[in-house]
Amino acid sequence: MAGLGYKQFTAGEVLQASELQGYAVDQSVMVFDSEVARSSALPSPTEGMMSYLKDTDSVQAFSGSSWQAVGGATVGFEQTFLLMGA
């Protein structure tokens, strides 16, 4: 059920089981040990998915055709999010 778009969640709102893949999973940063583990778990990623790879300490986003480093640089997880102001 991927491809529901994006949703702004509000406190106390009930997330239906049918919405889990289309909203919550596609709008989260998933953590994997390596690219191999990610490819095994996500054989068909969708554009906009985010992942954190433990082995390389990097955050990547799926562009629709390939995984790209967030921010266009190969910096670690902590540095990426500090630069983004989070």
C-alpha atoms as a PDB file:
ATOM      1  CA  MET A   1       0.000   0.000   0.000  1.00  0.00           C
ATOM      2  CA  ALA A   2       2.959   2.312  -0.549  1.00  0.00           C
ATOM      3  CA  GLY A   3       2.400   5.569  -2.327  1.00  0.00           C
ATOM      4  CA  LEU A   4      -0.241   7.185  -0.105  1.00  0.00           C
ATOM      5  CA  GLY A   5       1.761  10.416  -0.119  1.00  0.00           C
ATOM      6  CA  TYR A   6       2.689  12.275   3.031  1.00  0.00           C
ATOM      7  CA  LYS A   7       0.623  13.074   6.078  1.00  0.00           C
ATOM      8  CA  GLN A   8       1.060  15.486   8.974  1.00  0.00           C
ATOM      9  CA  PHE A   9       0.296  13.472  12.104  1.00  0.00           C
ATOM     10  CA  THR A  10      -1.317  15.103  15.139  1.00  0.00           C
ATOM     11  CA  ALA A  11      -1.025  14.085  18.784  1.00  0.00           C
ATOM     12  CA  GLY A  12      -3.566  11.440  19.717  1.00  0.00           C
ATOM     13  CA  GLU A  13      -4.438  10.549  16.134  1.00  0.00           C
ATOM     14  CA  VAL A  14      -5.013   6.834  15.535  1.00  0.00           C
ATOM     15  CA  LEU A  15      -2.873   5.326  12.786  1.00  0.00           C
ATOM     16  CA  GLN A  16      -4.843   2.636  10.958  1.00  0.00           C
ATOM     17  CA  ALA A  17      -3.068  -0.602   9.994  1.00  0.00           C
ATOM     18  CA  SER A  18      -3.819   0.140   6.334  1.00  0.00           C
ATOM     19  CA  GLU A  19      -1.868   3.426   6.640  1.00  0.00           C
ATOM     20  CA  LEU A  20       1.258   1.956   8.245  1.00  0.00           C
ATOM     21  CA  GLN A  21       3.229   1.192   5.069  1.00  0.00           C
ATOM     22  CA  GLY A  22       1.985   4.140   3.052  1.00  0.00           C
ATOM     23  CA  TYR A  23       2.630   6.790   5.687  1.00  0.00           C
ATOM     24  CA  ALA A  24       4.687   5.704   8.710  1.00  0.00           C
ATOM     25  CA  VAL A  25       7.250   3.488   6.962  1.00  0.00           C
ATOM     26  CA  ASP A  26       7.758   5.781   3.982  1.00  0.00           C
ATOM     27  CA  GLN A  27       8.144   8.788   6.313  1.00  0.00           C
ATOM     28  CA  SER A  28      10.736   7.287   8.678  1.00  0.00           C
ATOM     29  CA  VAL A  29      14.503   6.791   8.694  1.00  0.00           C
ATOM     30  CA  MET A  30      15.031   3.041   8.650  1.00  0.00           C
ATOM     31  CA  VAL A  31      18.229   1.640  10.200  1.00  0.00           C
ATOM     32  CA  PHE A  32      20.226  -1.154   8.548  1.00  0.00           C
ATOM     33  CA  ASP A  33      23.594  -2.800   9.259  1.00  0.00           C
ATOM     34  CA  SER A  34      24.738  -2.417   5.625  1.00  0.00           C
ATOM     35  CA  GLU A  35      23.644  -1.832   2.022  1.00  0.00           C
ATOM     36  CA  VAL A  36      23.308  -5.614   1.631  1.00  0.00           C
ATOM     37  CA  ALA A  37      20.891  -5.783   4.577  1.00  0.00           C
ATOM     38  CA  ARG A  38      18.911  -2.820   3.203  1.00  0.00           C
ATOM     39  CA  SER A  39      18.651  -4.342  -0.285  1.00  0.00           C
ATOM     40  CA  SER A  40      17.440  -7.599   1.206  1.00  0.00           C
ATOM     41  CA  ALA A  41      14.789  -5.881   3.338  1.00  0.00           C
ATOM     42  CA  LEU A  42      13.722  -3.354   0.665  1.00  0.00           C
ATOM     43  CA  PRO A  43      13.805  -5.019  -2.749  1.00  0.00           C
ATOM     44  CA  SER A  44      11.572  -2.275  -4.238  1.00  0.00           C
ATOM     45  CA  PRO A  45      12.161   1.028  -2.400  1.00  0.00           C
ATOM     46  CA  THR A  46      10.012   4.033  -3.218  1.00  0.00           C
ATOM     47  CA  GLU A  47      11.179   7.576  -3.943  1.00  0.00           C
ATOM     48  CA  GLY A  48      11.795   9.568  -0.778  1.00  0.00           C
ATOM     49  CA  MET A  49      12.597   6.639   1.528  1.00  0.00           C
ATOM     50  CA  MET A  50      15.398   7.371   4.003  1.00  0.00           C
ATOM     51  CA  SER A  51      17.893   4.942   5.500  1.00  0.00           C
ATOM     52  CA  TYR A  52      20.773   5.017   7.973  1.00  0.00           C
ATOM     53  CA  LEU A  53      23.617   2.537   7.363  1.00  0.00           C
ATOM     54  CA  LYS A  54      25.475   1.542  10.531  1.00  0.00           C
ATOM     55  CA  ASP A  55      28.583   0.208   8.775  1.00  0.00           C
ATOM     56  CA  THR A  56      29.283   3.492   6.956  1.00  0.00           C
ATOM     57  CA  ASP A  57      27.591   5.812   9.475  1.00  0.00           C
ATOM     58  CA  SER A  58      25.659   7.464   6.652  1.00  0.00           C
ATOM     59  CA  VAL A  59      22.142   8.647   5.843  1.00  0.00           C
ATOM     60  CA  GLN A  60      20.821   8.086   2.330  1.00  0.00           C
ATOM     61  CA  ALA A  61      17.601   8.908   0.465  1.00  0.00           C
ATOM     62  CA  PHE A  62      16.144   6.932  -2.443  1.00  0.00           C
ATOM     63  CA  SER A  63      15.826   9.188  -5.509  1.00  0.00           C
ATOM     64  CA  GLY A  64      13.504   6.873  -7.403  1.00  0.00           C
ATOM     65  CA  SER A  65      16.371   5.139  -9.191  1.00  0.00           C
ATOM     66  CA  SER A  66      19.254   4.954  -6.660  1.00  0.00           C
ATOM     67  CA  TRP A  67      20.267   5.668  -3.063  1.00  0.00           C
ATOM     68  CA  GLN A  68      21.959   9.082  -2.646  1.00  0.00           C
ATOM     69  CA  ALA A  69      23.856  10.593   0.291  1.00  0.00           C
ATOM     70  CA  VAL A  70      21.743  13.144   2.155  1.00  0.00           C
ATOM     71  CA  GLY A  71      23.070  16.647   1.553  1.00  0.00           C
ATOM     72  CA  GLY A  72      25.239  15.459  -1.326  1.00  0.00           C
ATOM     73  CA  ALA A  73      28.180  14.786   0.960  1.00  0.00           C
ATOM     74  CA  THR A  74      29.654  11.693   2.522  1.00  0.00           C
ATOM     75  CA  VAL A  75      29.591  12.796   6.142  1.00  0.00           C
ATOM     76  CA  GLY A  76      28.489  10.843   9.186  1.00  0.00           C
ATOM     77  CA  PHE A  77      25.010  10.673  10.661  1.00  0.00           C
ATOM     78  CA  GLU A  78      25.682  13.203  13.438  1.00  0.00           C
ATOM     79  CA  GLN A  79      27.341  15.709  11.107  1.00  0.00           C
ATOM     80  CA  THR A  80      24.536  15.495   8.550  1.00  0.00           C
ATOM     81  CA  PHE A  81      21.818  16.264  11.041  1.00  0.00           C
ATOM     82  CA  LEU A  82      23.810  19.016  12.765  1.00  0.00           C
ATOM     83  CA  LEU A  83      24.275  20.715   9.392  1.00  0.00           C
ATOM     84  CA  MET A  84      20.551  20.404   8.712  1.00  0.00           C
ATOM     85  CA  GLY A  85      19.771  22.097  12.027  1.00  0.00           C
ATOM     86  CA  ALA A  86      17.972  19.191  13.655  1.00  0.00           C
END
